Amino acid sequence: MVKPINRVVTGAHYGLRDWLIQRVTAIIMSVYVLLLVIFVNFMQIDDYAGLKSFFSHQWVRVVTFLFFISLCWHAWVGVRNVLMDYVHVISLRLTLHIAVIISLFGYLIWFAEILWGQGGTR
């Protein structure tokens, strides 16, 4: 008779989901950067006025904001996994998690203000 093996599972079980999020956000960011380079070269944007004109289009702002959301999500998954692996004091890890979340959320709001705020419509 074969005895079943009792395995103790530890961790948060984010493996496949994190791997997929990292790959999808990396693809989104890569495609955005590639298209941005193509558009800037194709439209021959070589000064601030041309760049400002390019970013005055709503679709460019939306796609750029989606890029930044992907960047923040990509950063969160990476930093969270590093903290989970290397910071063993739970209170410190929780404090760092909260600091990273607040920082990334603040950056996201700041970026939205840059894209759609007063500075973006002048």
PDB file of N, CA and C in Angstrom:
ATOM      1  N   MET A   1       0.844  -1.174   0.000  1.00  0.00           N
ATOM      2  CA  MET A   1       0.000   0.000   0.000  1.00  0.00           C
ATOM      3  C   MET A   1       0.897   1.247   0.000  1.00  0.00           C
ATOM      4  N   VAL A   2       0.592   2.167  -0.884  1.00  0.00           N
ATOM      5  CA  VAL A   2       1.382   3.386  -1.017  1.00  0.00           C
ATOM      6  C   VAL A   2       0.790   4.454  -0.113  1.00  0.00           C
ATOM      7  N   LYS A   3       1.658   5.021   0.720  1.00  0.00           N
ATOM      8  CA  LYS A   3       1.206   6.098   1.595  1.00  0.00           C
ATOM      9  C   LYS A   3       1.172   7.406   0.825  1.00  0.00           C
ATOM     10  N   PRO A   4       0.107   8.186   0.982  1.00  0.00           N
ATOM     11  CA  PRO A   4       0.073   9.499   0.322  1.00  0.00           C
ATOM     12  C   PRO A   4       1.088  10.443   0.968  1.00  0.00           C
ATOM     13  N   ILE A   5       1.642  11.296   0.159  1.00  0.00           N
ATOM     14  CA  ILE A   5       2.622  12.269   0.648  1.00  0.00           C
ATOM     15  C   ILE A   5       1.872  13.528   1.043  1.00  0.00           C
ATOM     16  N   ASN A   6       2.054  13.927   2.278  1.00  0.00           N
ATOM     17  CA  ASN A   6       1.451  15.181   2.745  1.00  0.00           C
ATOM     18  C   ASN A   6       2.435  16.302   2.513  1.00  0.00           C
ATOM     19  N   ARG A   7       2.076  17.152   1.586  1.00  0.00           N
ATOM     20  CA  ARG A   7       2.947  18.283   1.274  1.00  0.00           C
ATOM     21  C   ARG A   7       2.423  19.526   1.967  1.00  0.00           C
ATOM     22  N   VAL A   8       3.337  20.300   2.509  1.00  0.00           N
ATOM     23  CA  VAL A   8       2.990  21.569   3.115  1.00  0.00           C
ATOM     24  C   VAL A   8       3.248  22.642   2.072  1.00  0.00           C
ATOM     25  N   VAL A   9       2.192  23.305   1.661  1.00  0.00           N
ATOM     26  CA  VAL A   9       2.304  24.337   0.638  1.00  0.00           C
ATOM     27  C   VAL A   9       2.436  25.682   1.328  1.00  0.00           C
ATOM     28  N   THR A  10       3.468  26.400   0.953  1.00  0.00           N
ATOM     29  CA  THR A  10       3.680  27.720   1.531  1.00  0.00           C
ATOM     30  C   THR A  10       3.711  28.757   0.417  1.00  0.00           C
ATOM     31  N   GLY A  11       3.591  29.998   0.802  1.00  0.00           N
ATOM     32  CA  GLY A  11       3.656  31.077  -0.183  1.00  0.00           C
ATOM     33  C   GLY A  11       2.271  31.532  -0.594  1.00  0.00           C
ATOM     34  N   ALA A  12       2.254  32.491  -1.494  1.00  0.00           N
ATOM     35  CA  ALA A  12       0.996  33.118  -1.879  1.00  0.00           C
ATOM     36  C   ALA A  12       0.408  32.534  -3.153  1.00  0.00           C
ATOM     37  N   HIS A  13       1.104  31.607  -3.810  1.00  0.00           N
ATOM     38  CA  HIS A  13       0.606  30.927  -5.020  1.00  0.00           C
ATOM     39  C   HIS A  13       0.346  31.891  -6.167  1.00  0.00           C
ATOM     40  N   TYR A  14       1.203  32.878  -6.351  1.00  0.00           N
ATOM     41  CA  TYR A  14       1.046  33.835  -7.432  1.00  0.00           C
ATOM     42  C   TYR A  14       1.785  33.424  -8.701  1.00  0.00           C
ATOM     43  N   GLY A  15       2.494  32.331  -8.692  1.00  0.00           N
ATOM     44  CA  GLY A  15       3.428  31.939  -9.739  1.00  0.00           C
ATOM     45  C   GLY A  15       2.981  32.151 -11.168  1.00  0.00           C
ATOM     46  N   LEU A  16       1.996  31.403 -11.628  1.00  0.00           N
ATOM     47  CA  LEU A  16       1.573  31.487 -13.021  1.00  0.00           C
ATOM     48  C   LEU A  16       0.966  32.848 -13.338  1.00  0.00           C
ATOM     49  N   ARG A  17       0.145  33.348 -12.446  1.00  0.00           N
ATOM     50  CA  ARG A  17      -0.484  34.654 -12.671  1.00  0.00           C
ATOM     51  C   ARG A  17       0.561  35.759 -12.775  1.00  0.00           C
ATOM     52  N   ASP A  18       1.539  35.738 -11.871  1.00  0.00           N
ATOM     53  CA  ASP A  18       2.608  36.743 -11.922  1.00  0.00           C
ATOM     54  C   ASP A  18       3.423  36.623 -13.193  1.00  0.00           C
ATOM     55  N   TRP A  19       3.744  35.398 -13.576  1.00  0.00           N
ATOM     56  CA  TRP A  19       4.504  35.173 -14.794  1.00  0.00           C
ATOM     57  C   TRP A  19       3.749  35.732 -15.991  1.00  0.00           C
ATOM     58  N   LEU A  20       2.446  35.461 -16.053  1.00  0.00           N
ATOM     59  CA  LEU A  20       1.629  35.930 -17.165  1.00  0.00           C
ATOM     60  C   LEU A  20       1.504  37.454 -17.165  1.00  0.00           C
ATOM     61  N   ILE A  21       1.288  38.047 -16.004  1.00  0.00           N
ATOM     62  CA  ILE A  21       1.183  39.510 -15.899  1.00  0.00           C
ATOM     63  C   ILE A  21       2.486  40.165 -16.356  1.00  0.00           C
ATOM     64  N   GLN A  22       3.617  39.621 -15.911  1.00  0.00           N
ATOM     65  CA  GLN A  22       4.904  40.182 -16.305  1.00  0.00           C
ATOM     66  C   GLN A  22       5.086  40.134 -17.815  1.00  0.00           C
ATOM     67  N   ARG A  23       4.706  39.019 -18.431  1.00  0.00           N
ATOM     68  CA  ARG A  23       4.880  38.884 -19.883  1.00  0.00           C
ATOM     69  C   ARG A  23       3.924  39.784 -20.646  1.00  0.00           C
ATOM     70  N   VAL A  24       2.663  39.829 -20.238  1.00  0.00           N
ATOM     71  CA  VAL A  24       1.673  40.647 -20.954  1.00  0.00           C
ATOM     72  C   VAL A  24       2.017  42.127 -20.826  1.00  0.00           C
ATOM     73  N   THR A  25       2.347  42.585 -19.618  1.00  0.00           N
ATOM     74  CA  THR A  25       2.696  44.006 -19.457  1.00  0.00           C
ATOM     75  C   THR A  25       3.986  44.343 -20.201  1.00  0.00           C
ATOM     76  N   ALA A  26       4.933  43.424 -20.232  1.00  0.00           N
ATOM     77  CA  ALA A  26       6.176  43.667 -20.985  1.00  0.00           C
ATOM     78  C   ALA A  26       5.885  43.788 -22.475  1.00  0.00           C
ATOM     79  N   ILE A  27       4.991  42.963 -22.984  1.00  0.00           N
ATOM     80  CA  ILE A  27       4.622  43.053 -24.402  1.00  0.00           C
ATOM     81  C   ILE A  27       3.918  44.373 -24.682  1.00  0.00           C
ATOM     82  N   ILE A  28       2.986  44.761 -23.822  1.00  0.00           N
ATOM     83  CA  ILE A  28       2.276  46.035 -24.005  1.00  0.00           C
ATOM     84  C   ILE A  28       3.267  47.194 -24.025  1.00  0.00           C
ATOM     85  N   MET A  29       4.197  47.201 -23.077  1.00  0.00           N
ATOM     86  CA  MET A  29       5.169  48.290 -23.014  1.00  0.00           C
ATOM     87  C   MET A  29       6.101  48.279 -24.224  1.00  0.00           C
ATOM     88  N   SER A  30       6.502  47.113 -24.669  1.00  0.00           N
ATOM     89  CA  SER A  30       7.387  47.014 -25.835  1.00  0.00           C
ATOM     90  C   SER A  30       6.700  47.498 -27.104  1.00  0.00           C
ATOM     91  N   VAL A  31       5.448  47.097 -27.282  1.00  0.00           N
ATOM     92  CA  VAL A  31       4.696  47.532 -28.457  1.00  0.00           C
ATOM     93  C   VAL A  31       4.497  49.048 -28.425  1.00  0.00           C
ATOM     94  N   TYR A  32       4.179  49.596 -27.257  1.00  0.00           N
ATOM     95  CA  TYR A  32       3.993  51.046 -27.136  1.00  0.00           C
ATOM     96  C   TYR A  32       5.276  51.790 -27.510  1.00  0.00           C
ATOM     97  N   VAL A  33       6.401  51.366 -26.947  1.00  0.00           N
ATOM     98  CA  VAL A  33       7.673  52.052 -27.230  1.00  0.00           C
ATOM     99  C   VAL A  33       8.013  51.947 -28.716  1.00  0.00           C
ATOM    100  N   LEU A  34       7.817  50.778 -29.290  1.00  0.00           N
ATOM    101  CA  LEU A  34       8.089  50.592 -30.716  1.00  0.00           C
ATOM    102  C   LEU A  34       7.204  51.509 -31.566  1.00  0.00           C
ATOM    103  N   LEU A  35       5.909  51.546 -31.266  1.00  0.00           N
ATOM    104  CA  LEU A  35       5.001  52.413 -32.023  1.00  0.00           C
ATOM    105  C   LEU A  35       5.317  53.894 -31.802  1.00  0.00           C
ATOM    106  N   LEU A  36       5.695  54.251 -30.593  1.00  0.00           N
ATOM    107  CA  LEU A  36       6.050  55.644 -30.316  1.00  0.00           C
ATOM    108  C   LEU A  36       7.264  56.060 -31.138  1.00  0.00           C
ATOM    109  N   VAL A  37       8.269  55.205 -31.191  1.00  0.00           N
ATOM    110  CA  VAL A  37       9.465  55.504 -31.994  1.00  0.00           C
ATOM    111  C   VAL A  37       9.091  55.629 -33.471  1.00  0.00           C
ATOM    112  N   ILE A  38       8.257  54.720 -33.959  1.00  0.00           N
ATOM    113  CA  ILE A  38       7.837  54.768 -35.363  1.00  0.00           C
ATOM    114  C   ILE A  38       7.069  56.058 -35.651  1.00  0.00           C
ATOM    115  N   PHE A  39       6.102  56.405 -34.793  1.00  0.00           N
ATOM    116  CA  PHE A  39       5.312  57.620 -35.020  1.00  0.00           C
ATOM    117  C   PHE A  39       6.173  58.875 -34.950  1.00  0.00           C
ATOM    118  N   VAL A  40       7.059  58.942 -33.966  1.00  0.00           N
ATOM    119  CA  VAL A  40       7.908  60.128 -33.823  1.00  0.00           C
ATOM    120  C   VAL A  40       8.808  60.280 -35.054  1.00  0.00           C
ATOM    121  N   ASN A  41       9.338  59.174 -35.556  1.00  0.00           N
ATOM    122  CA  ASN A  41      10.178  59.252 -36.749  1.00  0.00           C
ATOM    123  C   ASN A  41       9.359  59.515 -38.009  1.00  0.00           C
ATOM    124  N   PHE A  42       8.204  58.864 -38.129  1.00  0.00           N
ATOM    125  CA  PHE A  42       7.360  59.028 -39.308  1.00  0.00           C
ATOM    126  C   PHE A  42       6.806  60.449 -39.408  1.00  0.00           C
ATOM    127  N   MET A  43       6.406  60.993 -38.278  1.00  0.00           N
ATOM    128  CA  MET A  43       5.839  62.348 -38.268  1.00  0.00           C
ATOM    129  C   MET A  43       6.934  63.410 -38.169  1.00  0.00           C
ATOM    130  N   GLN A  44       8.165  62.984 -38.076  1.00  0.00           N
ATOM    131  CA  GLN A  44       9.323  63.870 -37.982  1.00  0.00           C
ATOM    132  C   GLN A  44       9.157  64.904 -36.862  1.00  0.00           C
ATOM    133  N   ILE A  45       8.841  64.381 -35.701  1.00  0.00           N
ATOM    134  CA  ILE A  45       8.721  65.238 -34.517  1.00  0.00           C
ATOM    135  C   ILE A  45      10.127  65.495 -34.002  1.00  0.00           C
ATOM    136  N   ASP A  46      10.543  66.752 -34.083  1.00  0.00           N
ATOM    137  CA  ASP A  46      11.906  67.066 -33.678  1.00  0.00           C
ATOM    138  C   ASP A  46      11.994  68.236 -32.703  1.00  0.00           C
ATOM    139  N   ASP A  47      10.853  68.713 -32.223  1.00  0.00           N
ATOM    140  CA  ASP A  47      10.887  69.785 -31.238  1.00  0.00           C
ATOM    141  C   ASP A  47       9.716  69.630 -30.267  1.00  0.00           C
ATOM    142  N   TYR A  48       9.706  70.488 -29.259  1.00  0.00           N
ATOM    143  CA  TYR A  48       8.687  70.417 -28.222  1.00  0.00           C
ATOM    144  C   TYR A  48       7.293  70.664 -28.788  1.00  0.00           C
ATOM    145  N   ALA A  49       7.168  71.592 -29.700  1.00  0.00           N
ATOM    146  CA  ALA A  49       5.853  71.908 -30.274  1.00  0.00           C
ATOM    147  C   ALA A  49       5.271  70.699 -31.018  1.00  0.00           C
ATOM    148  N   GLY A  50       6.106  69.991 -31.758  1.00  0.00           N
ATOM    149  CA  GLY A  50       5.644  68.806 -32.461  1.00  0.00           C
ATOM    150  C   GLY A  50       5.233  67.702 -31.505  1.00  0.00           C
ATOM    151  N   LEU A  51       6.007  67.513 -30.446  1.00  0.00           N
ATOM    152  CA  LEU A  51       5.682  66.506 -29.448  1.00  0.00           C
ATOM    153  C   LEU A  51       4.395  66.866 -28.715  1.00  0.00           C
ATOM    154  N   LYS A  52       4.242  68.145 -28.397  1.00  0.00           N
ATOM    155  CA  LYS A  52       3.027  68.603 -27.727  1.00  0.00           C
ATOM    156  C   LYS A  52       1.814  68.427 -28.633  1.00  0.00           C
ATOM    157  N   SER A  53       1.986  68.693 -29.896  1.00  0.00           N
ATOM    158  CA  SER A  53       0.900  68.496 -30.857  1.00  0.00           C
ATOM    159  C   SER A  53       0.529  67.021 -30.967  1.00  0.00           C
ATOM    160  N   PHE A  54       1.533  66.149 -30.991  1.00  0.00           N
ATOM    161  CA  PHE A  54       1.288  64.710 -31.060  1.00  0.00           C
ATOM    162  C   PHE A  54       0.510  64.224 -29.839  1.00  0.00           C
ATOM    163  N   PHE A  55       0.890  64.692 -28.651  1.00  0.00           N
ATOM    164  CA  PHE A  55       0.215  64.266 -27.423  1.00  0.00           C
ATOM    165  C   PHE A  55      -1.088  65.018 -27.170  1.00  0.00           C
ATOM    166  N   SER A  56      -1.471  65.933 -28.047  1.00  0.00           N
ATOM    167  CA  SER A  56      -2.760  66.609 -27.889  1.00  0.00           C
ATOM    168  C   SER A  56      -3.915  65.724 -28.348  1.00  0.00           C
ATOM    169  N   HIS A  57      -3.614  64.670 -29.104  1.00  0.00           N
ATOM    170  CA  HIS A  57      -4.655  63.741 -29.550  1.00  0.00           C
ATOM    171  C   HIS A  57      -5.078  62.851 -28.378  1.00  0.00           C
ATOM    172  N   GLN A  58      -6.388  62.711 -28.221  1.00  0.00           N
ATOM    173  CA  GLN A  58      -6.920  61.937 -27.096  1.00  0.00           C
ATOM    174  C   GLN A  58      -6.473  60.475 -27.140  1.00  0.00           C
ATOM    175  N   TRP A  59      -6.436  59.873 -28.320  1.00  0.00           N
ATOM    176  CA  TRP A  59      -6.056  58.458 -28.416  1.00  0.00           C
ATOM    177  C   TRP A  59      -4.610  58.246 -27.997  1.00  0.00           C
ATOM    178  N   VAL A  60      -3.742  59.219 -28.253  1.00  0.00           N
ATOM    179  CA  VAL A  60      -2.342  59.106 -27.832  1.00  0.00           C
ATOM    180  C   VAL A  60      -2.256  59.155 -26.312  1.00  0.00           C
ATOM    181  N   ARG A  61      -3.031  60.025 -25.712  1.00  0.00           N
ATOM    182  CA  ARG A  61      -3.043  60.121 -24.246  1.00  0.00           C
ATOM    183  C   ARG A  61      -3.562  58.836 -23.607  1.00  0.00           C
ATOM    184  N   VAL A  62      -4.631  58.282 -24.169  1.00  0.00           N
ATOM    185  CA  VAL A  62      -5.215  57.049 -23.617  1.00  0.00           C
ATOM    186  C   VAL A  62      -4.219  55.889 -23.737  1.00  0.00           C
ATOM    187  N   VAL A  63      -3.611  55.731 -24.902  1.00  0.00           N
ATOM    188  CA  VAL A  63      -2.640  54.651 -25.106  1.00  0.00           C
ATOM    189  C   VAL A  63      -1.423  54.852 -24.195  1.00  0.00           C
ATOM    190  N   THR A  64      -0.998  56.088 -24.032  1.00  0.00           N
ATOM    191  CA  THR A  64       0.132  56.378 -23.152  1.00  0.00           C
ATOM    192  C   THR A  64      -0.225  56.070 -21.699  1.00  0.00           C
ATOM    193  N   PHE A  65      -1.456  56.386 -21.305  1.00  0.00           N
ATOM    194  CA  PHE A  65      -1.880  56.076 -19.941  1.00  0.00           C
ATOM    195  C   PHE A  65      -1.960  54.563 -19.726  1.00  0.00           C
ATOM    196  N   LEU A  66      -2.427  53.828 -20.731  1.00  0.00           N
ATOM    197  CA  LEU A  66      -2.446  52.365 -20.634  1.00  0.00           C
ATOM    198  C   LEU A  66      -1.026  51.810 -20.508  1.00  0.00           C
ATOM    199  N   PHE A  67      -0.086  52.431 -21.229  1.00  0.00           N
ATOM    200  CA  PHE A  67       1.327  52.058 -21.090  1.00  0.00           C
ATOM    201  C   PHE A  67       1.779  52.254 -19.649  1.00  0.00           C
ATOM    202  N   PHE A  68       1.421  53.398 -19.062  1.00  0.00           N
ATOM    203  CA  PHE A  68       1.883  53.687 -17.707  1.00  0.00           C
ATOM    204  C   PHE A  68       1.226  52.778 -16.672  1.00  0.00           C
ATOM    205  N   ILE A  69      -0.045  52.421 -16.904  1.00  0.00           N
ATOM    206  CA  ILE A  69      -0.699  51.447 -16.024  1.00  0.00           C
ATOM    207  C   ILE A  69       0.049  50.115 -16.099  1.00  0.00           C
ATOM    208  N   SER A  70       0.403  49.699 -17.294  1.00  0.00           N
ATOM    209  CA  SER A  70       1.166  48.463 -17.464  1.00  0.00           C
ATOM    210  C   SER A  70       2.508  48.556 -16.765  1.00  0.00           C
ATOM    211  N   LEU A  71       3.156  49.701 -16.873  1.00  0.00           N
ATOM    212  CA  LEU A  71       4.446  49.899 -16.215  1.00  0.00           C
ATOM    213  C   LEU A  71       4.314  49.772 -14.698  1.00  0.00           C
ATOM    214  N   CYS A  72       3.294  50.407 -14.130  1.00  0.00           N
ATOM    215  CA  CYS A  72       3.088  50.340 -12.676  1.00  0.00           C
ATOM    216  C   CYS A  72       2.748  48.921 -12.231  1.00  0.00           C
ATOM    217  N   TRP A  73       1.908  48.229 -12.988  1.00  0.00           N
ATOM    218  CA  TRP A  73       1.537  46.861 -12.641  1.00  0.00           C
ATOM    219  C   TRP A  73       2.757  45.938 -12.725  1.00  0.00           C
ATOM    220  N   HIS A  74       3.547  46.117 -13.785  1.00  0.00           N
ATOM    221  CA  HIS A  74       4.774  45.345 -13.973  1.00  0.00           C
ATOM    222  C   HIS A  74       5.732  45.586 -12.797  1.00  0.00           C
ATOM    223  N   ALA A  75       5.872  46.829 -12.425  1.00  0.00           N
ATOM    224  CA  ALA A  75       6.756  47.177 -11.310  1.00  0.00           C
ATOM    225  C   ALA A  75       6.238  46.585  -9.999  1.00  0.00           C
ATOM    226  N   TRP A  76       4.927  46.661  -9.769  1.00  0.00           N
ATOM    227  CA  TRP A  76       4.352  46.132  -8.538  1.00  0.00           C
ATOM    228  C   TRP A  76       4.610  44.631  -8.404  1.00  0.00           C
ATOM    229  N   VAL A  77       4.364  43.886  -9.461  1.00  0.00           N
ATOM    230  CA  VAL A  77       4.571  42.435  -9.398  1.00  0.00           C
ATOM    231  C   VAL A  77       6.038  42.123  -9.125  1.00  0.00           C
ATOM    232  N   GLY A  78       6.934  42.798  -9.812  1.00  0.00           N
ATOM    233  CA  GLY A  78       8.359  42.552  -9.615  1.00  0.00           C
ATOM    234  C   GLY A  78       8.834  42.909  -8.224  1.00  0.00           C
ATOM    235  N   VAL A  79       8.468  44.088  -7.749  1.00  0.00           N
ATOM    236  CA  VAL A  79       8.918  44.528  -6.430  1.00  0.00           C
ATOM    237  C   VAL A  79       8.279  43.664  -5.340  1.00  0.00           C
ATOM    238  N   ARG A  80       6.993  43.341  -5.487  1.00  0.00           N
ATOM    239  CA  ARG A  80       6.327  42.507  -4.493  1.00  0.00           C
ATOM    240  C   ARG A  80       7.012  41.144  -4.383  1.00  0.00           C
ATOM    241  N   ASN A  81       7.347  40.546  -5.522  1.00  0.00           N
ATOM    242  CA  ASN A  81       8.003  39.234  -5.484  1.00  0.00           C
ATOM    243  C   ASN A  81       9.392  39.308  -4.863  1.00  0.00           C
ATOM    244  N   VAL A  82      10.130  40.362  -5.162  1.00  0.00           N
ATOM    245  CA  VAL A  82      11.451  40.528  -4.546  1.00  0.00           C
ATOM    246  C   VAL A  82      11.305  40.702  -3.038  1.00  0.00           C
ATOM    247  N   LEU A  83      10.342  41.517  -2.615  1.00  0.00           N
ATOM    248  CA  LEU A  83      10.133  41.714  -1.175  1.00  0.00           C
ATOM    249  C   LEU A  83       9.704  40.424  -0.490  1.00  0.00           C
ATOM    250  N   MET A  84       8.827  39.655  -1.145  1.00  0.00           N
ATOM    251  CA  MET A  84       8.377  38.391  -0.555  1.00  0.00           C
ATOM    252  C   MET A  84       9.536  37.401  -0.428  1.00  0.00           C
ATOM    253  N   ASP A  85      10.466  37.438  -1.367  1.00  0.00           N
ATOM    254  CA  ASP A  85      11.587  36.501  -1.343  1.00  0.00           C
ATOM    255  C   ASP A  85      12.692  36.904  -0.373  1.00  0.00           C
ATOM    256  N   TYR A  86      12.941  38.204  -0.223  1.00  0.00           N
ATOM    257  CA  TYR A  86      14.142  38.627   0.483  1.00  0.00           C
ATOM    258  C   TYR A  86      13.914  39.402   1.772  1.00  0.00           C
ATOM    259  N   VAL A  87      12.705  39.869   2.031  1.00  0.00           N
ATOM    260  CA  VAL A  87      12.432  40.563   3.295  1.00  0.00           C
ATOM    261  C   VAL A  87      11.629  39.601   4.166  1.00  0.00           C
ATOM    262  N   HIS A  88      12.277  39.063   5.195  1.00  0.00           N
ATOM    263  CA  HIS A  88      11.664  38.010   5.992  1.00  0.00           C
ATOM    264  C   HIS A  88      10.923  38.521   7.219  1.00  0.00           C
ATOM    265  N   VAL A  89      11.190  39.748   7.637  1.00  0.00           N
ATOM    266  CA  VAL A  89      10.464  40.340   8.761  1.00  0.00           C
ATOM    267  C   VAL A  89       9.114  40.822   8.224  1.00  0.00           C
ATOM    268  N   ILE A  90       8.048  40.214   8.690  1.00  0.00           N
ATOM    269  CA  ILE A  90       6.725  40.453   8.106  1.00  0.00           C
ATOM    270  C   ILE A  90       6.290  41.911   8.249  1.00  0.00           C
ATOM    271  N   SER A  91       6.535  42.522   9.394  1.00  0.00           N
ATOM    272  CA  SER A  91       6.112  43.912   9.579  1.00  0.00           C
ATOM    273  C   SER A  91       6.852  44.849   8.626  1.00  0.00           C
ATOM    274  N   LEU A  92       8.125  44.607   8.407  1.00  0.00           N
ATOM    275  CA  LEU A  92       8.903  45.417   7.466  1.00  0.00           C
ATOM    276  C   LEU A  92       8.421  45.195   6.040  1.00  0.00           C
ATOM    277  N   ARG A  93       8.164  43.928   5.697  1.00  0.00           N
ATOM    278  CA  ARG A  93       7.683  43.609   4.355  1.00  0.00           C
ATOM    279  C   ARG A  93       6.336  44.275   4.096  1.00  0.00           C
ATOM    280  N   LEU A  94       5.432  44.229   5.079  1.00  0.00           N
ATOM    281  CA  LEU A  94       4.120  44.870   4.923  1.00  0.00           C
ATOM    282  C   LEU A  94       4.275  46.380   4.764  1.00  0.00           C
ATOM    283  N   THR A  95       5.153  46.974   5.550  1.00  0.00           N
ATOM    284  CA  THR A  95       5.405  48.413   5.452  1.00  0.00           C
ATOM    285  C   THR A  95       5.942  48.772   4.068  1.00  0.00           C
ATOM    286  N   LEU A  96       6.864  47.977   3.570  1.00  0.00           N
ATOM    287  CA  LEU A  96       7.417  48.233   2.236  1.00  0.00           C
ATOM    288  C   LEU A  96       6.376  48.008   1.143  1.00  0.00           C
ATOM    289  N   HIS A  97       5.541  46.984   1.297  1.00  0.00           N
ATOM    290  CA  HIS A  97       4.450  46.765   0.332  1.00  0.00           C
ATOM    291  C   HIS A  97       3.534  47.988   0.269  1.00  0.00           C
ATOM    292  N   ILE A  98       3.150  48.477   1.428  1.00  0.00           N
ATOM    293  CA  ILE A  98       2.260  49.644   1.483  1.00  0.00           C
ATOM    294  C   ILE A  98       2.938  50.865   0.879  1.00  0.00           C
ATOM    295  N   ALA A  99       4.224  51.062   1.179  1.00  0.00           N
ATOM    296  CA  ALA A  99       4.959  52.204   0.624  1.00  0.00           C
ATOM    297  C   ALA A  99       5.027  52.123  -0.901  1.00  0.00           C
ATOM    298  N   VAL A 100       5.254  50.934  -1.436  1.00  0.00           N
ATOM    299  CA  VAL A 100       5.328  50.759  -2.892  1.00  0.00           C
ATOM    300  C   VAL A 100       3.954  51.004  -3.523  1.00  0.00           C
ATOM    301  N   ILE A 101       2.902  50.472  -2.919  1.00  0.00           N
ATOM    302  CA  ILE A 101       1.546  50.676  -3.451  1.00  0.00           C
ATOM    303  C   ILE A 101       1.194  52.158  -3.466  1.00  0.00           C
ATOM    304  N   ILE A 102       1.444  52.836  -2.367  1.00  0.00           N
ATOM    305  CA  ILE A 102       1.138  54.275  -2.290  1.00  0.00           C
ATOM    306  C   ILE A 102       1.959  55.050  -3.311  1.00  0.00           C
ATOM    307  N   SER A 103       3.235  54.713  -3.444  1.00  0.00           N
ATOM    308  CA  SER A 103       4.095  55.399  -4.411  1.00  0.00           C
ATOM    309  C   SER A 103       3.598  55.191  -5.839  1.00  0.00           C
ATOM    310  N   LEU A 104       3.332  53.936  -6.215  1.00  0.00           N
ATOM    311  CA  LEU A 104       2.878  53.659  -7.578  1.00  0.00           C
ATOM    312  C   LEU A 104       1.532  54.311  -7.866  1.00  0.00           C
ATOM    313  N   PHE A 105       0.637  54.296  -6.901  1.00  0.00           N
ATOM    314  CA  PHE A 105      -0.657  54.950  -7.087  1.00  0.00           C
ATOM    315  C   PHE A 105      -0.475  56.459  -7.230  1.00  0.00           C
ATOM    316  N   GLY A 106       0.415  57.032  -6.431  1.00  0.00           N
ATOM    317  CA  GLY A 106       0.710  58.466  -6.546  1.00  0.00           C
ATOM    318  C   GLY A 106       1.307  58.807  -7.901  1.00  0.00           C
ATOM    319  N   TYR A 107       2.215  57.959  -8.392  1.00  0.00           N
ATOM    320  CA  TYR A 107       2.797  58.176  -9.719  1.00  0.00           C
ATOM    321  C   TYR A 107       1.731  58.101 -10.802  1.00  0.00           C
ATOM    322  N   LEU A 108       0.787  57.170 -10.645  1.00  0.00           N
ATOM    323  CA  LEU A 108      -0.286  57.016 -11.627  1.00  0.00           C
ATOM    324  C   LEU A 108      -1.171  58.269 -11.673  1.00  0.00           C
ATOM    325  N   ILE A 109      -1.518  58.792 -10.517  1.00  0.00           N
ATOM    326  CA  ILE A 109      -2.313  60.018 -10.461  1.00  0.00           C
ATOM    327  C   ILE A 109      -1.526  61.191 -11.038  1.00  0.00           C
ATOM    328  N   TRP A 110      -0.266  61.297 -10.686  1.00  0.00           N
ATOM    329  CA  TRP A 110       0.589  62.371 -11.191  1.00  0.00           C
ATOM    330  C   TRP A 110       0.695  62.295 -12.711  1.00  0.00           C
ATOM    331  N   PHE A 111       0.850  61.087 -13.253  1.00  0.00           N
ATOM    332  CA  PHE A 111       0.952  60.907 -14.694  1.00  0.00           C
ATOM    333  C   PHE A 111      -0.352  61.307 -15.383  1.00  0.00           C
ATOM    334  N   ALA A 112      -1.487  60.963 -14.787  1.00  0.00           N
ATOM    335  CA  ALA A 112      -2.788  61.374 -15.351  1.00  0.00           C
ATOM    336  C   ALA A 112      -2.900  62.894 -15.349  1.00  0.00           C
ATOM    337  N   GLU A 113      -2.420  63.517 -14.298  1.00  0.00           N
ATOM    338  CA  GLU A 113      -2.432  64.986 -14.232  1.00  0.00           C
ATOM    339  C   GLU A 113      -1.542  65.581 -15.319  1.00  0.00           C
ATOM    340  N   ILE A 114      -0.411  64.966 -15.579  1.00  0.00           N
ATOM    341  CA  ILE A 114       0.476  65.446 -16.638  1.00  0.00           C
ATOM    342  C   ILE A 114      -0.211  65.323 -17.998  1.00  0.00           C
ATOM    343  N   LEU A 115      -0.863  64.179 -18.241  1.00  0.00           N
ATOM    344  CA  LEU A 115      -1.495  63.955 -19.547  1.00  0.00           C
ATOM    345  C   LEU A 115      -2.738  64.809 -19.758  1.00  0.00           C
ATOM    346  N   TRP A 116      -3.592  64.924 -18.728  1.00  0.00           N
ATOM    347  CA  TRP A 116      -4.871  65.598 -18.922  1.00  0.00           C
ATOM    348  C   TRP A 116      -5.027  66.873 -18.100  1.00  0.00           C
ATOM    349  N   GLY A 117      -4.020  67.232 -17.340  1.00  0.00           N
ATOM    350  CA  GLY A 117      -4.114  68.434 -16.513  1.00  0.00           C
ATOM    351  C   GLY A 117      -3.906  69.703 -17.312  1.00  0.00           C
ATOM    352  N   GLN A 118      -3.768  70.784 -16.616  1.00  0.00           N
ATOM    353  CA  GLN A 118      -3.579  72.097 -17.236  1.00  0.00           C
ATOM    354  C   GLN A 118      -2.342  72.119 -18.123  1.00  0.00           C
ATOM    355  N   GLY A 119      -1.289  71.436 -17.730  1.00  0.00           N
ATOM    356  CA  GLY A 119      -0.053  71.440 -18.515  1.00  0.00           C
ATOM    357  C   GLY A 119      -0.232  70.768 -19.862  1.00  0.00           C
ATOM    358  N   GLY A 120      -1.185  69.840 -19.959  1.00  0.00           N
ATOM    359  CA  GLY A 120      -1.368  69.108 -21.208  1.00  0.00           C
ATOM    360  C   GLY A 120      -2.279  69.785 -22.204  1.00  0.00           C
ATOM    361  N   THR A 121      -3.018  70.846 -21.779  1.00  0.00           N
ATOM    362  CA  THR A 121      -3.989  71.460 -22.682  1.00  0.00           C
ATOM    363  C   THR A 121      -3.607  72.875 -23.093  1.00  0.00           C
ATOM    364  N   ARG A 122      -2.514  73.377 -22.660  1.00  0.00           N
ATOM    365  CA  ARG A 122      -2.134  74.749 -23.038  1.00  0.00           C
ATOM    366  C   ARG A 122      -1.658  74.818 -24.454  1.00  0.00           C
TER     367      ARG A 122
END
